[in-house]
Amino acid sequence: MTTSPHVDILLVEDNPDDVELTLRSLRKNNVTNRVAVVQDGAEALEYLFATGRYADRSISRLPKVVFLDLKLPLVSGIEVLRQCKEDERMSQLPIVVLTSSREEPDVHTCYGLGVNSYIVKPVDFQQFTEAVRQVGLYWLFLNEAPSAL
């Protein structure tokens, strides 16, 4: 069990290169909010629902936004999204899918489950950096969240 400080962004990503790219993109754009990184869907659910390794974390202290990959080990990103949106405590939690999947069934499934945004990761570093900058700025600074979050 690990004590977890409050974070603003939960990054759910199993690819270390994509984790580093995302963190570099946030830093490059002066997004200095606290980021927690989890590497599979099971750990994401433990973090969000304050169970397992994160049982000492308060479930009432949700991040401002979750950046969620779809193709994850143990539990898929779609299942993480489903469980979050079905739970009253986090149904309004902004979840942004950041994935390499352009598969139409994935897009439709995610929007059907209530995803807030679906972004295909650009291959080009500059485009990726710009996408992360825009998403980060919007969800952290421009979006007006309900006070329960």
N, C-alpha and C. Protein backbone atom coordinates (compact mmCIF):
# COMPACT_ATOMS: atom_id res chain seq x y z
N MET A 1 0.83 -1.18 0.00
CA MET A 1 0.00 0.00 0.00
C MET A 1 0.88 1.24 0.00
N THR A 2 0.52 2.20 -0.85
CA THR A 2 1.29 3.42 -0.98
C THR A 2 0.39 4.61 -0.74
N THR A 3 0.90 5.57 0.02
CA THR A 3 0.14 6.79 0.21
C THR A 3 0.26 7.62 -1.05
N SER A 4 -0.87 8.06 -1.59
CA SER A 4 -0.87 8.80 -2.83
C SER A 4 -1.32 10.23 -2.58
N PRO A 5 -0.50 11.22 -2.98
CA PRO A 5 -0.95 12.60 -2.86
C PRO A 5 -2.03 12.88 -3.89
N HIS A 6 -2.78 13.95 -3.69
CA HIS A 6 -3.82 14.32 -4.66
C HIS A 6 -3.15 14.67 -5.99
N VAL A 7 -3.72 14.18 -7.08
CA VAL A 7 -3.19 14.49 -8.41
C VAL A 7 -4.27 15.15 -9.25
N ASP A 8 -3.83 15.88 -10.25
CA ASP A 8 -4.76 16.54 -11.16
C ASP A 8 -5.01 15.70 -12.41
N ILE A 9 -3.99 14.95 -12.83
CA ILE A 9 -4.09 14.12 -14.03
C ILE A 9 -3.71 12.69 -13.67
N LEU A 10 -4.57 11.76 -14.05
CA LEU A 10 -4.21 10.34 -13.97
C LEU A 10 -3.95 9.89 -15.39
N LEU A 11 -2.71 9.48 -15.66
CA LEU A 11 -2.31 8.99 -16.97
C LEU A 11 -2.29 7.47 -16.92
N VAL A 12 -3.14 6.85 -17.70
CA VAL A 12 -3.23 5.39 -17.74
C VAL A 12 -2.63 4.94 -19.07
N GLU A 13 -1.38 4.47 -19.02
CA GLU A 13 -0.64 4.17 -20.24
C GLU A 13 0.39 3.09 -19.95
N ASP A 14 0.42 2.05 -20.78
CA ASP A 14 1.36 0.95 -20.56
C ASP A 14 2.65 1.09 -21.37
N ASN A 15 2.69 1.97 -22.34
CA ASN A 15 3.88 2.14 -23.16
C ASN A 15 4.78 3.20 -22.54
N PRO A 16 5.99 2.81 -22.06
CA PRO A 16 6.88 3.77 -21.40
C PRO A 16 7.25 4.96 -22.30
N ASP A 17 7.37 4.72 -23.60
CA ASP A 17 7.69 5.82 -24.52
C ASP A 17 6.55 6.83 -24.58
N ASP A 18 5.32 6.35 -24.62
CA ASP A 18 4.17 7.26 -24.64
C ASP A 18 4.01 7.99 -23.32
N VAL A 19 4.34 7.32 -22.22
CA VAL A 19 4.31 7.99 -20.91
C VAL A 19 5.29 9.15 -20.92
N GLU A 20 6.52 8.87 -21.35
CA GLU A 20 7.56 9.91 -21.38
C GLU A 20 7.18 11.05 -22.32
N LEU A 21 6.65 10.70 -23.49
CA LEU A 21 6.22 11.73 -24.44
C LEU A 21 5.13 12.62 -23.84
N THR A 22 4.17 12.00 -23.19
CA THR A 22 3.07 12.77 -22.60
C THR A 22 3.59 13.68 -21.49
N LEU A 23 4.43 13.14 -20.61
CA LEU A 23 4.97 13.95 -19.52
C LEU A 23 5.84 15.09 -20.05
N ARG A 24 6.65 14.79 -21.07
CA ARG A 24 7.48 15.84 -21.69
C ARG A 24 6.62 16.91 -22.33
N SER A 25 5.55 16.49 -22.98
CA SER A 25 4.65 17.44 -23.63
C SER A 25 3.99 18.36 -22.61
N LEU A 26 3.57 17.79 -21.50
CA LEU A 26 2.96 18.61 -20.44
C LEU A 26 3.98 19.61 -19.88
N ARG A 27 5.18 19.12 -19.59
CA ARG A 27 6.23 20.02 -19.06
C ARG A 27 6.59 21.11 -20.06
N LYS A 28 6.74 20.72 -21.32
CA LYS A 28 7.11 21.67 -22.37
C LYS A 28 6.09 22.80 -22.46
N ASN A 29 4.85 22.49 -22.17
CA ASN A 29 3.78 23.48 -22.25
C ASN A 29 3.43 24.08 -20.90
N ASN A 30 4.34 23.94 -19.95
CA ASN A 30 4.20 24.53 -18.61
C ASN A 30 2.95 24.08 -17.87
N VAL A 31 2.51 22.86 -18.14
CA VAL A 31 1.43 22.28 -17.36
C VAL A 31 2.12 21.56 -16.21
N THR A 32 2.10 22.20 -15.05
CA THR A 32 2.86 21.71 -13.91
C THR A 32 2.00 20.98 -12.88
N ASN A 33 0.79 20.66 -13.27
CA ASN A 33 -0.11 19.95 -12.36
C ASN A 33 0.46 18.58 -12.02
N ARG A 34 0.06 18.06 -10.88
CA ARG A 34 0.53 16.74 -10.46
C ARG A 34 -0.07 15.65 -11.33
N VAL A 35 0.79 14.73 -11.75
CA VAL A 35 0.39 13.63 -12.61
C VAL A 35 0.74 12.33 -11.92
N ALA A 36 -0.20 11.41 -11.91
CA ALA A 36 0.07 10.04 -11.46
C ALA A 36 0.00 9.16 -12.71
N VAL A 37 0.91 8.19 -12.78
CA VAL A 37 0.94 7.29 -13.93
C VAL A 37 0.68 5.87 -13.44
N VAL A 38 -0.27 5.21 -14.07
CA VAL A 38 -0.51 3.79 -13.81
C VAL A 38 -0.38 3.08 -15.15
N GLN A 39 0.05 1.81 -15.10
CA GLN A 39 0.48 1.15 -16.33
C GLN A 39 -0.45 0.07 -16.84
N ASP A 40 -1.56 -0.17 -16.17
CA ASP A 40 -2.51 -1.14 -16.69
C ASP A 40 -3.91 -0.80 -16.17
N GLY A 41 -4.90 -1.42 -16.77
CA GLY A 41 -6.27 -1.11 -16.41
C GLY A 41 -6.64 -1.51 -14.99
N ALA A 42 -6.06 -2.61 -14.51
CA ALA A 42 -6.35 -3.05 -13.14
C ALA A 42 -5.84 -2.02 -12.13
N GLU A 43 -4.64 -1.50 -12.37
CA GLU A 43 -4.09 -0.49 -11.46
C GLU A 43 -4.90 0.81 -11.54
N ALA A 44 -5.37 1.14 -12.74
CA ALA A 44 -6.21 2.34 -12.89
C ALA A 44 -7.47 2.22 -12.04
N LEU A 45 -8.11 1.06 -12.09
CA LEU A 45 -9.32 0.86 -11.28
C LEU A 45 -9.01 0.89 -9.79
N GLU A 46 -7.89 0.30 -9.39
CA GLU A 46 -7.49 0.37 -7.97
C GLU A 46 -7.28 1.82 -7.56
N TYR A 47 -6.62 2.59 -8.39
CA TYR A 47 -6.37 3.99 -8.06
C TYR A 47 -7.69 4.76 -7.95
N LEU A 48 -8.51 4.66 -8.97
CA LEU A 48 -9.74 5.44 -9.00
C LEU A 48 -10.73 5.05 -7.91
N PHE A 49 -10.84 3.75 -7.64
CA PHE A 49 -11.79 3.28 -6.64
C PHE A 49 -11.18 3.13 -5.25
N ALA A 50 -9.90 3.55 -5.11
CA ALA A 50 -9.19 3.52 -3.83
C ALA A 50 -9.23 2.13 -3.19
N THR A 51 -8.77 1.14 -3.96
CA THR A 51 -8.70 -0.23 -3.47
C THR A 51 -7.28 -0.76 -3.69
N GLY A 52 -7.02 -1.97 -3.20
CA GLY A 52 -5.72 -2.61 -3.44
C GLY A 52 -4.56 -1.73 -3.00
N ARG A 53 -3.63 -1.49 -3.91
CA ARG A 53 -2.45 -0.67 -3.61
C ARG A 53 -2.79 0.74 -3.20
N TYR A 54 -4.00 1.19 -3.53
CA TYR A 54 -4.39 2.58 -3.27
C TYR A 54 -5.52 2.68 -2.24
N ALA A 55 -5.65 1.67 -1.41
CA ALA A 55 -6.73 1.65 -0.42
C ALA A 55 -6.62 2.79 0.60
N ASP A 56 -5.42 3.34 0.76
CA ASP A 56 -5.25 4.45 1.70
C ASP A 56 -5.57 5.81 1.08
N ARG A 57 -5.89 5.83 -0.21
CA ARG A 57 -6.24 7.06 -0.91
C ARG A 57 -7.74 7.31 -0.73
N SER A 58 -8.11 8.55 -0.57
CA SER A 58 -9.53 8.88 -0.43
C SER A 58 -10.20 8.88 -1.81
N ILE A 59 -11.25 8.10 -1.95
CA ILE A 59 -11.96 8.03 -3.23
C ILE A 59 -12.59 9.36 -3.58
N SER A 60 -12.81 10.22 -2.61
CA SER A 60 -13.42 11.53 -2.88
C SER A 60 -12.43 12.49 -3.54
N ARG A 61 -11.16 12.16 -3.57
CA ARG A 61 -10.14 13.03 -4.17
C ARG A 61 -9.78 12.52 -5.56
N LEU A 62 -10.70 12.70 -6.47
CA LEU A 62 -10.49 12.25 -7.85
C LEU A 62 -9.61 13.25 -8.61
N PRO A 63 -8.90 12.76 -9.62
CA PRO A 63 -8.15 13.70 -10.46
C PRO A 63 -9.10 14.60 -11.23
N LYS A 64 -8.58 15.69 -11.77
CA LYS A 64 -9.40 16.58 -12.59
C LYS A 64 -9.72 15.95 -13.94
N VAL A 65 -8.81 15.10 -14.42
CA VAL A 65 -9.00 14.46 -15.72
C VAL A 65 -8.19 13.16 -15.76
N VAL A 66 -8.71 12.19 -16.50
CA VAL A 66 -8.00 10.93 -16.73
C VAL A 66 -7.67 10.86 -18.22
N PHE A 67 -6.38 10.63 -18.51
CA PHE A 67 -5.94 10.35 -19.88
C PHE A 67 -5.82 8.84 -19.96
N LEU A 68 -6.63 8.21 -20.79
CA LEU A 68 -6.78 6.75 -20.79
C LEU A 68 -6.44 6.14 -22.14
N ASP A 69 -5.47 5.24 -22.15
CA ASP A 69 -5.19 4.44 -23.33
C ASP A 69 -6.22 3.32 -23.39
N LEU A 70 -6.52 2.82 -24.56
CA LEU A 70 -7.50 1.73 -24.66
C LEU A 70 -6.87 0.35 -24.59
N LYS A 71 -5.75 0.18 -25.23
CA LYS A 71 -5.12 -1.14 -25.34
C LYS A 71 -4.17 -1.33 -24.15
N LEU A 72 -4.73 -1.81 -23.06
CA LEU A 72 -4.00 -1.96 -21.80
C LEU A 72 -3.94 -3.42 -21.38
N PRO A 73 -2.89 -3.80 -20.64
CA PRO A 73 -2.87 -5.15 -20.08
C PRO A 73 -3.83 -5.28 -18.89
N LEU A 74 -4.20 -6.50 -18.60
CA LEU A 74 -5.04 -6.91 -17.46
C LEU A 74 -6.50 -6.51 -17.60
N VAL A 75 -6.77 -5.23 -17.73
CA VAL A 75 -8.14 -4.74 -17.91
C VAL A 75 -8.07 -3.68 -19.02
N SER A 76 -8.93 -3.80 -20.00
CA SER A 76 -8.88 -2.86 -21.13
C SER A 76 -9.30 -1.46 -20.72
N GLY A 77 -8.88 -0.48 -21.51
CA GLY A 77 -9.30 0.90 -21.27
C GLY A 77 -10.81 1.05 -21.38
N ILE A 78 -11.42 0.30 -22.28
CA ILE A 78 -12.88 0.37 -22.42
C ILE A 78 -13.56 -0.11 -21.14
N GLU A 79 -13.03 -1.14 -20.50
CA GLU A 79 -13.62 -1.62 -19.25
C GLU A 79 -13.40 -0.61 -18.12
N VAL A 80 -12.24 0.03 -18.10
CA VAL A 80 -12.00 1.08 -17.10
C VAL A 80 -13.02 2.19 -17.30
N LEU A 81 -13.21 2.62 -18.53
CA LEU A 81 -14.19 3.66 -18.84
C LEU A 81 -15.58 3.23 -18.40
N ARG A 82 -15.98 2.00 -18.73
CA ARG A 82 -17.30 1.49 -18.38
C ARG A 82 -17.53 1.54 -16.86
N GLN A 83 -16.57 1.02 -16.11
CA GLN A 83 -16.75 0.98 -14.65
C GLN A 83 -16.81 2.38 -14.05
N CYS A 84 -16.02 3.29 -14.58
CA CYS A 84 -16.05 4.66 -14.05
C CYS A 84 -17.37 5.35 -14.35
N LYS A 85 -17.83 5.25 -15.57
CA LYS A 85 -19.05 5.96 -15.95
C LYS A 85 -20.30 5.33 -15.35
N GLU A 86 -20.23 4.05 -14.95
CA GLU A 86 -21.37 3.40 -14.31
C GLU A 86 -21.43 3.68 -12.81
N ASP A 87 -20.35 4.20 -12.24
CA ASP A 87 -20.30 4.46 -10.80
C ASP A 87 -20.71 5.91 -10.54
N GLU A 88 -21.71 6.09 -9.70
CA GLU A 88 -22.24 7.42 -9.42
C GLU A 88 -21.16 8.39 -8.92
N ARG A 89 -20.19 7.87 -8.15
CA ARG A 89 -19.15 8.74 -7.57
C ARG A 89 -18.23 9.34 -8.62
N MET A 90 -18.10 8.67 -9.74
CA MET A 90 -17.18 9.21 -10.75
C MET A 90 -17.78 9.31 -12.14
N SER A 91 -19.07 9.27 -12.22
CA SER A 91 -19.72 9.33 -13.53
C SER A 91 -19.44 10.65 -14.26
N GLN A 92 -19.16 11.71 -13.52
CA GLN A 92 -18.87 13.00 -14.14
C GLN A 92 -17.38 13.28 -14.28
N LEU A 93 -16.55 12.33 -13.87
CA LEU A 93 -15.09 12.49 -14.00
C LEU A 93 -14.72 12.58 -15.47
N PRO A 94 -14.06 13.65 -15.90
CA PRO A 94 -13.66 13.75 -17.30
C PRO A 94 -12.63 12.67 -17.67
N ILE A 95 -12.96 11.89 -18.67
CA ILE A 95 -12.05 10.87 -19.17
C ILE A 95 -11.80 11.13 -20.64
N VAL A 96 -10.52 11.29 -20.97
CA VAL A 96 -10.09 11.55 -22.33
C VAL A 96 -9.32 10.32 -22.80
N VAL A 97 -9.82 9.68 -23.84
CA VAL A 97 -9.10 8.55 -24.42
C VAL A 97 -8.00 9.11 -25.30
N LEU A 98 -6.77 8.68 -25.02
CA LEU A 98 -5.59 9.00 -25.83
C LEU A 98 -5.08 7.67 -26.33
N THR A 99 -5.31 7.35 -27.58
CA THR A 99 -5.01 6.02 -28.07
C THR A 99 -4.49 6.05 -29.49
N SER A 100 -3.91 4.97 -29.91
CA SER A 100 -3.48 4.85 -31.31
C SER A 100 -4.58 4.19 -32.15
N SER A 101 -5.66 3.76 -31.53
CA SER A 101 -6.73 3.06 -32.24
C SER A 101 -7.66 4.02 -32.98
N ARG A 102 -7.73 3.83 -34.27
CA ARG A 102 -8.69 4.56 -35.09
C ARG A 102 -9.90 3.68 -35.43
N GLU A 103 -9.99 2.53 -34.78
CA GLU A 103 -11.06 1.57 -35.09
C GLU A 103 -12.42 2.17 -34.73
N GLU A 104 -13.30 2.21 -35.71
CA GLU A 104 -14.62 2.81 -35.54
C GLU A 104 -15.40 2.17 -34.38
N PRO A 105 -15.36 0.84 -34.19
CA PRO A 105 -16.08 0.26 -33.04
C PRO A 105 -15.56 0.80 -31.70
N ASP A 106 -14.26 1.05 -31.59
CA ASP A 106 -13.71 1.62 -30.35
C ASP A 106 -14.27 3.02 -30.11
N VAL A 107 -14.29 3.84 -31.16
CA VAL A 107 -14.80 5.20 -31.03
C VAL A 107 -16.26 5.17 -30.61
N HIS A 108 -17.07 4.38 -31.28
CA HIS A 108 -18.50 4.30 -30.97
C HIS A 108 -18.74 3.77 -29.55
N THR A 109 -17.99 2.73 -29.18
CA THR A 109 -18.15 2.17 -27.83
C THR A 109 -17.81 3.20 -26.77
N CYS A 110 -16.71 3.90 -26.95
CA CYS A 110 -16.29 4.89 -25.95
C CYS A 110 -17.30 6.01 -25.81
N TYR A 111 -17.79 6.54 -26.92
CA TYR A 111 -18.80 7.60 -26.82
C TYR A 111 -20.11 7.07 -26.25
N GLY A 112 -20.44 5.84 -26.57
CA GLY A 112 -21.63 5.23 -25.99
C GLY A 112 -21.54 5.08 -24.48
N LEU A 113 -20.31 4.91 -23.98
CA LEU A 113 -20.10 4.78 -22.54
C LEU A 113 -19.95 6.13 -21.84
N GLY A 114 -19.85 7.20 -22.60
CA GLY A 114 -19.78 8.53 -21.99
C GLY A 114 -18.41 9.16 -21.94
N VAL A 115 -17.48 8.71 -22.79
CA VAL A 115 -16.16 9.34 -22.80
C VAL A 115 -16.32 10.83 -23.12
N ASN A 116 -15.45 11.65 -22.56
CA ASN A 116 -15.54 13.09 -22.79
C ASN A 116 -14.84 13.53 -24.07
N SER A 117 -13.83 12.76 -24.48
CA SER A 117 -13.11 13.09 -25.70
C SER A 117 -12.34 11.85 -26.14
N TYR A 118 -12.19 11.69 -27.44
CA TYR A 118 -11.48 10.55 -28.01
C TYR A 118 -10.44 11.12 -28.96
N ILE A 119 -9.17 10.96 -28.61
CA ILE A 119 -8.09 11.53 -29.41
C ILE A 119 -7.15 10.42 -29.85
N VAL A 120 -6.90 10.37 -31.16
CA VAL A 120 -5.93 9.43 -31.70
C VAL A 120 -4.56 10.09 -31.58
N LYS A 121 -3.63 9.36 -30.97
CA LYS A 121 -2.28 9.90 -30.77
C LYS A 121 -1.61 10.15 -32.11
N PRO A 122 -1.20 11.38 -32.36
CA PRO A 122 -0.44 11.65 -33.58
C PRO A 122 0.93 10.98 -33.51
N VAL A 123 1.43 10.54 -34.65
CA VAL A 123 2.74 9.89 -34.69
C VAL A 123 3.85 10.92 -34.56
N ASP A 124 3.66 12.08 -35.15
CA ASP A 124 4.65 13.15 -35.13
C ASP A 124 4.75 13.77 -33.74
N PHE A 125 5.98 13.96 -33.25
CA PHE A 125 6.19 14.49 -31.89
C PHE A 125 5.56 15.87 -31.73
N GLN A 126 5.75 16.76 -32.69
CA GLN A 126 5.21 18.12 -32.56
C GLN A 126 3.68 18.09 -32.50
N GLN A 127 3.07 17.26 -33.33
CA GLN A 127 1.60 17.15 -33.31
C GLN A 127 1.12 16.54 -32.00
N PHE A 128 1.87 15.54 -31.50
CA PHE A 128 1.51 14.92 -30.23
C PHE A 128 1.60 15.95 -29.11
N THR A 129 2.69 16.72 -29.10
CA THR A 129 2.88 17.75 -28.08
C THR A 129 1.74 18.76 -28.11
N GLU A 130 1.35 19.17 -29.31
CA GLU A 130 0.27 20.14 -29.44
C GLU A 130 -1.06 19.55 -28.97
N ALA A 131 -1.31 18.29 -29.31
CA ALA A 131 -2.55 17.64 -28.87
C ALA A 131 -2.61 17.57 -27.35
N VAL A 132 -1.52 17.16 -26.71
CA VAL A 132 -1.47 17.07 -25.24
C VAL A 132 -1.63 18.46 -24.62
N ARG A 133 -1.00 19.46 -25.22
CA ARG A 133 -1.12 20.84 -24.71
C ARG A 133 -2.58 21.28 -24.72
N GLN A 134 -3.23 21.10 -25.86
CA GLN A 134 -4.62 21.55 -25.97
C GLN A 134 -5.54 20.79 -25.01
N VAL A 135 -5.37 19.49 -24.94
CA VAL A 135 -6.21 18.68 -24.05
C VAL A 135 -5.95 19.07 -22.60
N GLY A 136 -4.69 19.19 -22.23
CA GLY A 136 -4.34 19.55 -20.86
C GLY A 136 -4.89 20.91 -20.47
N LEU A 137 -4.68 21.90 -21.33
CA LEU A 137 -5.16 23.24 -21.02
C LEU A 137 -6.68 23.28 -20.90
N TYR A 138 -7.35 22.61 -21.81
CA TYR A 138 -8.81 22.62 -21.75
C TYR A 138 -9.32 21.99 -20.47
N TRP A 139 -8.92 20.74 -20.18
CA TRP A 139 -9.50 20.02 -19.06
C TRP A 139 -9.02 20.51 -17.71
N LEU A 140 -7.83 21.11 -17.66
CA LEU A 140 -7.32 21.58 -16.37
C LEU A 140 -7.67 23.03 -16.07
N PHE A 141 -7.80 23.85 -17.12
CA PHE A 141 -7.96 25.28 -16.88
C PHE A 141 -9.25 25.89 -17.43
N LEU A 142 -9.75 25.39 -18.54
CA LEU A 142 -10.92 26.00 -19.15
C LEU A 142 -12.22 25.33 -18.75
N ASN A 143 -12.20 24.02 -18.62
CA ASN A 143 -13.42 23.30 -18.28
C ASN A 143 -13.88 23.64 -16.87
N GLU A 144 -15.16 23.87 -16.74
CA GLU A 144 -15.75 24.14 -15.42
C GLU A 144 -16.39 22.86 -14.91
N ALA A 145 -15.73 22.24 -13.93
CA ALA A 145 -16.20 20.97 -13.38
C ALA A 145 -17.23 21.22 -12.28
N PRO A 146 -18.15 20.27 -12.06
CA PRO A 146 -19.07 20.39 -10.92
C PRO A 146 -18.27 20.37 -9.61
N SER A 147 -18.78 21.02 -8.62
CA SER A 147 -18.05 21.15 -7.35
C SER A 147 -17.79 19.82 -6.67
N ALA A 148 -18.54 18.76 -6.99
CA ALA A 148 -18.33 17.46 -6.36
C ALA A 148 -17.00 16.85 -6.76
N LEU A 149 -16.42 17.24 -7.90
CA LEU A 149 -15.13 16.74 -8.33
C LEU A 149 -14.09 17.54 -7.65
